[in-house]
PDB file of N, CA and C in Angstrom:
ATOM      1  N   VAL A   1      -2.946   2.536  -1.530  1.00  0.00           N
ATOM      2  CA  VAL A   1      -3.551   1.499  -2.327  1.00  0.00           C
ATOM      3  C   VAL A   1      -4.931   1.196  -1.759  1.00  0.00           C
ATOM      4  N   SER A   2      -5.734   0.526  -2.553  1.00  0.00           N
ATOM      5  CA  SER A   2      -7.055   0.118  -2.111  1.00  0.00           C
ATOM      6  C   SER A   2      -7.043  -1.400  -1.918  1.00  0.00           C
ATOM      7  N   LEU A   3      -7.374  -1.839  -0.721  1.00  0.00           N
ATOM      8  CA  LEU A   3      -7.404  -3.267  -0.402  1.00  0.00           C
ATOM      9  C   LEU A   3      -8.842  -3.756  -0.443  1.00  0.00           C
ATOM     10  N   TYR A   4      -9.035  -4.965  -0.947  1.00  0.00           N
ATOM     11  CA  TYR A   4     -10.352  -5.598  -0.913  1.00  0.00           C
ATOM     12  C   TYR A   4     -10.214  -6.883  -0.111  1.00  0.00           C
ATOM     13  N   ILE A   5     -11.015  -7.036   0.933  1.00  0.00           N
ATOM     14  CA  ILE A   5     -10.968  -8.209   1.798  1.00  0.00           C
ATOM     15  C   ILE A   5     -12.294  -8.950   1.663  1.00  0.00           C
ATOM     16  N   TYR A   6     -12.209 -10.216   1.314  1.00  0.00           N
ATOM     17  CA  TYR A   6     -13.394 -11.041   1.121  1.00  0.00           C
ATOM     18  C   TYR A   6     -13.988 -11.480   2.451  1.00  0.00           C
ATOM     19  N   GLY A   7     -15.282 -11.697   2.452  1.00  0.00           N
ATOM     20  CA  GLY A   7     -15.941 -12.260   3.614  1.00  0.00           C
ATOM     21  C   GLY A   7     -16.773 -11.249   4.370  1.00  0.00           C
ATOM     22  N   GLU A   8     -17.359 -11.743   5.440  1.00  0.00           N
ATOM     23  CA  GLU A   8     -18.175 -10.926   6.343  1.00  0.00           C
ATOM     24  C   GLU A   8     -17.601 -11.105   7.733  1.00  0.00           C
ATOM     25  N   TRP A   9     -17.023 -10.059   8.276  1.00  0.00           N
ATOM     26  CA  TRP A   9     -16.368 -10.113   9.572  1.00  0.00           C
ATOM     27  C   TRP A   9     -16.825  -8.939  10.426  1.00  0.00           C
ATOM     28  N   ASN A  10     -16.563  -9.020  11.718  1.00  0.00           N
ATOM     29  CA  ASN A  10     -16.876  -7.901  12.612  1.00  0.00           C
ATOM     30  C   ASN A  10     -15.737  -6.893  12.663  1.00  0.00           C
ATOM     31  N   GLU A  11     -14.489  -7.416  12.711  1.00  0.00           N
ATOM     32  CA  GLU A  11     -13.335  -6.539  12.868  1.00  0.00           C
ATOM     33  C   GLU A  11     -12.180  -6.989  11.980  1.00  0.00           C
ATOM     34  N   VAL A  12     -11.280  -6.035  11.731  1.00  0.00           N
ATOM     35  CA  VAL A  12     -10.091  -6.310  10.930  1.00  0.00           C
ATOM     36  C   VAL A  12      -8.939  -5.475  11.473  1.00  0.00           C
ATOM     37  N   ARG A  13      -7.729  -6.002  11.309  1.00  0.00           N
ATOM     38  CA  ARG A  13      -6.533  -5.208  11.588  1.00  0.00           C
ATOM     39  C   ARG A  13      -5.499  -5.533  10.521  1.00  0.00           C
ATOM     40  N   LEU A  14      -4.593  -4.577  10.274  1.00  0.00           N
ATOM     41  CA  LEU A  14      -3.645  -4.685   9.166  1.00  0.00           C
ATOM     42  C   LEU A  14      -2.236  -4.347   9.614  1.00  0.00           C
ATOM     43  N   ARG A  15      -1.264  -4.767   8.799  1.00  0.00           N
ATOM     44  CA  ARG A  15       0.116  -4.338   8.993  1.00  0.00           C
ATOM     45  C   ARG A  15       0.875  -4.480   7.680  1.00  0.00           C
ATOM     46  N   ASN A  16       1.941  -3.705   7.552  1.00  0.00           N
ATOM     47  CA  ASN A  16       2.867  -3.797   6.431  1.00  0.00           C
ATOM     48  C   ASN A  16       4.091  -4.593   6.859  1.00  0.00           C
ATOM     49  N   ASP A  17       4.528  -5.503   6.003  1.00  0.00           N
ATOM     50  CA  ASP A  17       5.763  -6.255   6.215  1.00  0.00           C
ATOM     51  C   ASP A  17       5.831  -6.779   7.650  1.00  0.00           C
ATOM     52  N   ASP A  18       6.885  -6.448   8.387  1.00  0.00           N
ATOM     53  CA  ASP A  18       6.983  -6.921   9.769  1.00  0.00           C
ATOM     54  C   ASP A  18       6.711  -5.792  10.767  1.00  0.00           C
ATOM     55  N   GLY A  19       5.965  -4.779  10.310  1.00  0.00           N
ATOM     56  CA  GLY A  19       5.633  -3.633  11.168  1.00  0.00           C
ATOM     57  C   GLY A  19       4.555  -3.982  12.180  1.00  0.00           C
ATOM     58  N   PRO A  20       4.181  -3.003  12.984  1.00  0.00           N
ATOM     59  CA  PRO A  20       3.170  -3.240  14.025  1.00  0.00           C
ATOM     60  C   PRO A  20       1.762  -3.344  13.426  1.00  0.00           C
ATOM     61  N   TRP A  21       0.897  -4.053  14.125  1.00  0.00           N
ATOM     62  CA  TRP A  21      -0.507  -4.156  13.721  1.00  0.00           C
ATOM     63  C   TRP A  21      -1.234  -2.853  14.040  1.00  0.00           C
ATOM     64  N   THR A  22      -2.234  -2.535  13.237  1.00  0.00           N
ATOM     65  CA  THR A  22      -3.144  -1.444  13.583  1.00  0.00           C
ATOM     66  C   THR A  22      -4.035  -1.934  14.722  1.00  0.00           C
ATOM     67  N   GLU A  23      -4.769  -1.013  15.316  1.00  0.00           N
ATOM     68  CA  GLU A  23      -5.800  -1.405  16.270  1.00  0.00           C
ATOM     69  C   GLU A  23      -6.904  -2.144  15.506  1.00  0.00           C
ATOM     70  N   TRP A  24      -7.663  -2.990  16.190  1.00  0.00           N
ATOM     71  CA  TRP A  24      -8.831  -3.610  15.575  1.00  0.00           C
ATOM     72  C   TRP A  24      -9.814  -2.508  15.204  1.00  0.00           C
ATOM     73  N   GLN A  25     -10.400  -2.615  14.022  1.00  0.00           N
ATOM     74  CA  GLN A  25     -11.364  -1.624  13.551  1.00  0.00           C
ATOM     75  C   GLN A  25     -12.564  -2.338  12.936  1.00  0.00           C
ATOM     76  N   PRO A  26     -13.699  -1.655  12.833  1.00  0.00           N
ATOM     77  CA  PRO A  26     -14.859  -2.291  12.208  1.00  0.00           C
ATOM     78  C   PRO A  26     -14.510  -2.759  10.789  1.00  0.00           C
ATOM     79  N   PHE A  27     -14.994  -3.927  10.437  1.00  0.00           N
ATOM     80  CA  PHE A  27     -14.670  -4.520   9.146  1.00  0.00           C
ATOM     81  C   PHE A  27     -15.284  -3.735   7.997  1.00  0.00           C
ATOM     82  N   GLN A  28     -14.490  -3.555   6.968  1.00  0.00           N
ATOM     83  CA  GLN A  28     -14.933  -3.001   5.689  1.00  0.00           C
ATOM     84  C   GLN A  28     -14.297  -3.854   4.605  1.00  0.00           C
ATOM     85  N   GLN A  29     -15.027  -4.131   3.546  1.00  0.00           N
ATOM     86  CA  GLN A  29     -14.430  -4.931   2.476  1.00  0.00           C
ATOM     87  C   GLN A  29     -13.390  -4.133   1.697  1.00  0.00           C
ATOM     88  N   THR A  30     -13.582  -2.846   1.559  1.00  0.00           N
ATOM     89  CA  THR A  30     -12.620  -2.013   0.844  1.00  0.00           C
ATOM     90  C   THR A  30     -11.995  -1.039   1.837  1.00  0.00           C
ATOM     91  N   ILE A  31     -10.658  -1.054   1.902  1.00  0.00           N
ATOM     92  CA  ILE A  31      -9.929  -0.207   2.833  1.00  0.00           C
ATOM     93  C   ILE A  31      -8.826   0.524   2.075  1.00  0.00           C
ATOM     94  N   THR A  32      -8.701   1.816   2.295  1.00  0.00           N
ATOM     95  CA  THR A  32      -7.581   2.572   1.743  1.00  0.00           C
ATOM     96  C   THR A  32      -6.403   2.386   2.683  1.00  0.00           C
ATOM     97  N   TRP A  33      -5.254   1.991   2.123  1.00  0.00           N
ATOM     98  CA  TRP A  33      -4.105   1.620   2.942  1.00  0.00           C
ATOM     99  C   TRP A  33      -2.850   2.276   2.388  1.00  0.00           C
ATOM    100  N   THR A  34      -1.930   2.637   3.262  1.00  0.00           N
ATOM    101  CA  THR A  34      -0.684   3.274   2.846  1.00  0.00           C
ATOM    102  C   THR A  34       0.472   2.296   2.977  1.00  0.00           C
ATOM    103  N   LEU A  35       1.202   2.130   1.886  1.00  0.00           N
ATOM    104  CA  LEU A  35       2.406   1.302   1.884  1.00  0.00           C
ATOM    105  C   LEU A  35       3.595   2.122   2.355  1.00  0.00           C
ATOM    106  N   PRO A  36       4.658   1.470   2.807  1.00  0.00           N
ATOM    107  CA  PRO A  36       5.880   2.220   3.123  1.00  0.00           C
ATOM    108  C   PRO A  36       6.365   2.953   1.869  1.00  0.00           C
ATOM    109  N   ALA A  37       6.948   4.108   2.055  1.00  0.00           N
ATOM    110  CA  ALA A  37       7.397   4.936   0.922  1.00  0.00           C
ATOM    111  C   ALA A  37       8.757   4.477   0.414  1.00  0.00           C
ATOM    112  N   GLN A  38       8.852   3.197   0.127  1.00  0.00           N
ATOM    113  CA  GLN A  38      10.088   2.626  -0.397  1.00  0.00           C
ATOM    114  C   GLN A  38       9.745   1.746  -1.589  1.00  0.00           C
ATOM    115  N   VAL A  39      10.448   1.961  -2.693  1.00  0.00           N
ATOM    116  CA  VAL A  39      10.246   1.152  -3.893  1.00  0.00           C
ATOM    117  C   VAL A  39      10.623  -0.286  -3.582  1.00  0.00           C
ATOM    118  N   GLY A  40       9.834  -1.228  -4.070  1.00  0.00           N
ATOM    119  CA  GLY A  40      10.127  -2.644  -3.884  1.00  0.00           C
ATOM    120  C   GLY A  40       8.893  -3.418  -3.469  1.00  0.00           C
ATOM    121  N   GLU A  41       9.105  -4.651  -3.063  1.00  0.00           N
ATOM    122  CA  GLU A  41       8.004  -5.527  -2.681  1.00  0.00           C
ATOM    123  C   GLU A  41       7.641  -5.341  -1.213  1.00  0.00           C
ATOM    124  N   HIS A  42       6.348  -5.242  -0.968  1.00  0.00           N
ATOM    125  CA  HIS A  42       5.820  -5.117   0.385  1.00  0.00           C
ATOM    126  C   HIS A  42       4.697  -6.140   0.548  1.00  0.00           C
ATOM    127  N   THR A  43       4.569  -6.668   1.756  1.00  0.00           N
ATOM    128  CA  THR A  43       3.490  -7.603   2.050  1.00  0.00           C
ATOM    129  C   THR A  43       2.540  -6.947   3.043  1.00  0.00           C
ATOM    130  N   VAL A  44       1.256  -6.969   2.694  1.00  0.00           N
ATOM    131  CA  VAL A  44       0.206  -6.454   3.563  1.00  0.00           C
ATOM    132  C   VAL A  44      -0.478  -7.656   4.200  1.00  0.00           C
ATOM    133  N   TYR A  45      -0.548  -7.658   5.525  1.00  0.00           N
ATOM    134  CA  TYR A  45      -1.188  -8.733   6.275  1.00  0.00           C
ATOM    135  C   TYR A  45      -2.501  -8.231   6.843  1.00  0.00           C
ATOM    136  N   ALA A  46      -3.499  -9.103   6.856  1.00  0.00           N
ATOM    137  CA  ALA A  46      -4.804  -8.774   7.442  1.00  0.00           C
ATOM    138  C   ALA A  46      -5.232  -9.912   8.354  1.00  0.00           C
ATOM    139  N   GLU A  47      -5.787  -9.560   9.497  1.00  0.00           N
ATOM    140  CA  GLU A  47      -6.429 -10.519  10.384  1.00  0.00           C
ATOM    141  C   GLU A  47      -7.865 -10.053  10.567  1.00  0.00           C
ATOM    142  N   MET A  48      -8.791 -10.995  10.449  1.00  0.00           N
ATOM    143  CA  MET A  48     -10.202 -10.698  10.599  1.00  0.00           C
ATOM    144  C   MET A  48     -10.773 -11.576  11.708  1.00  0.00           C
ATOM    145  N   ARG A  49     -11.795 -11.066  12.397  1.00  0.00           N
ATOM    146  CA  ARG A  49     -12.428 -11.888  13.421  1.00  0.00           C
ATOM    147  C   ARG A  49     -13.920 -11.566  13.515  1.00  0.00           C
ATOM    148  N   GLN A  50     -14.652 -12.594  13.947  1.00  0.00           N
ATOM    149  CA  GLN A  50     -16.095 -12.467  14.180  1.00  0.00           C
ATOM    150  C   GLN A  50     -16.446 -13.493  15.247  1.00  0.00           C
ATOM    151  N   GLY A  51     -16.706 -13.024  16.447  1.00  0.00           N
ATOM    152  CA  GLY A  51     -16.964 -13.941  17.553  1.00  0.00           C
ATOM    153  C   GLY A  51     -15.738 -14.810  17.802  1.00  0.00           C
ATOM    154  N   SER A  52     -15.923 -16.132  17.814  1.00  0.00           N
ATOM    155  CA  SER A  52     -14.800 -17.046  18.047  1.00  0.00           C
ATOM    156  C   SER A  52     -14.088 -17.440  16.755  1.00  0.00           C
ATOM    157  N   LEU A  53     -14.588 -16.974  15.612  1.00  0.00           N
ATOM    158  CA  LEU A  53     -13.961 -17.273  14.326  1.00  0.00           C
ATOM    159  C   LEU A  53     -12.935 -16.213  13.971  1.00  0.00           C
ATOM    160  N   SER A  54     -11.830 -16.645  13.363  1.00  0.00           N
ATOM    161  CA  SER A  54     -10.836 -15.693  12.889  1.00  0.00           C
ATOM    162  C   SER A  54     -10.188 -16.247  11.626  1.00  0.00           C
ATOM    163  N   ALA A  55      -9.597 -15.358  10.862  1.00  0.00           N
ATOM    164  CA  ALA A  55      -8.905 -15.742   9.636  1.00  0.00           C
ATOM    165  C   ALA A  55      -7.784 -14.747   9.391  1.00  0.00           C
ATOM    166  N   ALA A  56      -6.828 -15.171   8.586  1.00  0.00           N
ATOM    167  CA  ALA A  56      -5.708 -14.294   8.234  1.00  0.00           C
ATOM    168  C   ALA A  56      -5.490 -14.377   6.733  1.00  0.00           C
ATOM    169  N   SER A  57      -4.980 -13.294   6.197  1.00  0.00           N
ATOM    170  CA  SER A  57      -4.700 -13.230   4.774  1.00  0.00           C
ATOM    171  C   SER A  57      -3.506 -12.327   4.549  1.00  0.00           C
ATOM    172  N   GLU A  58      -2.847 -12.503   3.424  1.00  0.00           N
ATOM    173  CA  GLU A  58      -1.719 -11.637   3.073  1.00  0.00           C
ATOM    174  C   GLU A  58      -1.616 -11.558   1.564  1.00  0.00           C
ATOM    175  N   ASP A  59      -1.011 -10.482   1.110  1.00  0.00           N
ATOM    176  CA  ASP A  59      -0.755 -10.320  -0.316  1.00  0.00           C
ATOM    177  C   ASP A  59       0.466  -9.431  -0.470  1.00  0.00           C
ATOM    178  N   SER A  60       1.245  -9.725  -1.500  1.00  0.00           N
ATOM    179  CA  SER A  60       2.436  -8.924  -1.778  1.00  0.00           C
ATOM    180  C   SER A  60       2.150  -7.946  -2.901  1.00  0.00           C
ATOM    181  N   ILE A  61       2.692  -6.766  -2.745  1.00  0.00           N
ATOM    182  CA  ILE A  61       2.498  -5.679  -3.699  1.00  0.00           C
ATOM    183  C   ILE A  61       3.864  -5.113  -4.023  1.00  0.00           C
ATOM    184  N   ILE A  62       4.137  -4.925  -5.313  1.00  0.00           N
ATOM    185  CA  ILE A  62       5.410  -4.328  -5.727  1.00  0.00           C
ATOM    186  C   ILE A  62       5.168  -2.855  -6.009  1.00  0.00           C
ATOM    187  N   LEU A  63       5.826  -2.023  -5.230  1.00  0.00           N
ATOM    188  CA  LEU A  63       5.686  -0.580  -5.379  1.00  0.00           C
ATOM    189  C   LEU A  63       6.764  -0.086  -6.328  1.00  0.00           C
ATOM    190  N   THR A  64       6.341   0.561  -7.412  1.00  0.00           N
ATOM    191  CA  THR A  64       7.275   1.111  -8.386  1.00  0.00           C
ATOM    192  C   THR A  64       7.057   2.609  -8.496  1.00  0.00           C
ATOM    193  N   PRO A  65       8.103   3.356  -8.851  1.00  0.00           N
ATOM    194  CA  PRO A  65       7.922   4.806  -9.014  1.00  0.00           C
ATOM    195  C   PRO A  65       7.061   5.079 -10.239  1.00  0.00           C
ATOM    196  N   ALA A  66       6.165   6.047 -10.111  1.00  0.00           N
ATOM    197  CA  ALA A  66       5.309   6.400 -11.238  1.00  0.00           C
ATOM    198  C   ALA A  66       6.123   7.039 -12.357  1.00  0.00           C
ATOM    199  N   PHE A  67       7.093   7.840 -11.990  1.00  0.00           N
ATOM    200  CA  PHE A  67       7.942   8.496 -12.988  1.00  0.00           C
ATOM    201  C   PHE A  67       9.276   8.779 -12.336  1.00  0.00           C
ATOM    202  N   LEU A  68      10.280   8.097 -12.780  1.00  0.00           N
ATOM    203  CA  LEU A  68      11.599   8.285 -12.204  1.00  0.00           C
ATOM    204  C   LEU A  68      12.617   8.283 -13.345  1.00  0.00           C
ATOM    205  N   PRO A  69      12.804   9.423 -14.017  1.00  0.00           N
ATOM    206  CA  PRO A  69      13.738   9.460 -15.139  1.00  0.00           C
ATOM    207  C   PRO A  69      15.176   9.309 -14.656  1.00  0.00           C
ATOM    208  N   GLU A  70      15.974   8.625 -15.470  1.00  0.00           N
ATOM    209  CA  GLU A  70      17.397   8.531 -15.143  1.00  0.00           C
ATOM    210  C   GLU A  70      18.088   9.864 -15.385  1.00  0.00           C
ATOM    211  N   ARG A  71      17.580  10.584 -16.381  1.00  0.00           N
ATOM    212  CA  ARG A  71      18.122  11.913 -16.691  1.00  0.00           C
ATOM    213  C   ARG A  71      16.975  12.854 -16.992  1.00  0.00           C
ATOM    214  N   LEU A  72      17.185  14.069 -16.659  1.00  0.00           N
ATOM    215  CA  LEU A  72      16.201  15.091 -16.952  1.00  0.00           C
ATOM    216  C   LEU A  72      16.763  15.983 -18.050  1.00  0.00           C
ATOM    217  N   TYR A  73      16.060  16.067 -19.166  1.00  0.00           N
ATOM    218  CA  TYR A  73      16.518  16.876 -20.294  1.00  0.00           C
ATOM    219  C   TYR A  73      15.795  18.214 -20.279  1.00  0.00           C
ATOM    220  N   LEU A  74      16.577  19.264 -20.267  1.00  0.00           N
ATOM    221  CA  LEU A  74      16.025  20.614 -20.300  1.00  0.00           C
ATOM    222  C   LEU A  74      16.298  21.224 -21.661  1.00  0.00           C
ATOM    223  N   PRO A  75      15.390  22.064 -22.155  1.00  0.00           N
ATOM    224  CA  PRO A  75      15.669  22.709 -23.438  1.00  0.00           C
ATOM    225  C   PRO A  75      16.845  23.668 -23.303  1.00  0.00           C
ATOM    226  N   LEU A  76      17.649  23.692 -24.311  1.00  0.00           N
ATOM    227  CA  LEU A  76      18.812  24.564 -24.304  1.00  0.00           C
ATOM    228  C   LEU A  76      18.542  25.733 -25.257  1.00  0.00           C
ATOM    229  N   LEU A  77      18.593  26.953 -24.743  1.00  0.00           N
ATOM    230  CA  LEU A  77      18.311  28.138 -25.546  1.00  0.00           C
ATOM    231  C   LEU A  77      19.594  28.874 -25.830  1.00  0.00           C
ATOM    232  N   PHE A  78      19.754  29.278 -27.078  1.00  0.00           N
ATOM    233  CA  PHE A  78      20.934  30.052 -27.456  1.00  0.00           C
ATOM    234  C   PHE A  78      20.514  31.490 -27.716  1.00  0.00           C
ATOM    235  N   TYR A  79      21.309  32.407 -27.223  1.00  0.00           N
ATOM    236  CA  TYR A  79      21.048  33.820 -27.452  1.00  0.00           C
ATOM    237  C   TYR A  79      22.227  34.374 -28.258  1.00  0.00           C
ATOM    238  N   THR A  80      21.906  34.943 -29.378  1.00  0.00           N
ATOM    239  CA  THR A  80      22.953  35.549 -30.186  1.00  0.00           C
ATOM    240  C   THR A  80      22.737  37.046 -30.185  1.00  0.00           C
ATOM    241  N   PRO A  81      23.650  37.828 -29.573  1.00  0.00           N
ATOM    242  CA  PRO A  81      23.507  39.290 -29.554  1.00  0.00           C
ATOM    243  C   PRO A  81      23.692  39.840 -30.959  1.00  0.00           C
ATOM    244  N   GLN A  82      22.993  40.922 -31.292  1.00  0.00           N
ATOM    245  CA  GLN A  82      23.132  41.530 -32.608  1.00  0.00           C
ATOM    246  C   GLN A  82      23.869  42.829 -32.548  1.00  0.00           C
TER     247      GLN A  82
END
């Protein structure tokens, strides 16, 4: 997913749900982020800092399968010998 973080900060770190934090990295407003490969709701947490100032943010994202058919229909071919 693509995350957009508001503000002007020096560094940011992220985590999914109750997982471990990433290392602090240079701040970018747009970050490409990977969610856990499990269908359902996930919360992405962000902490930002600049000098003695810091802030935290979070947002929940519902991950759904792009295509998950309950049944797969295949064409059925009949061959009639002559």
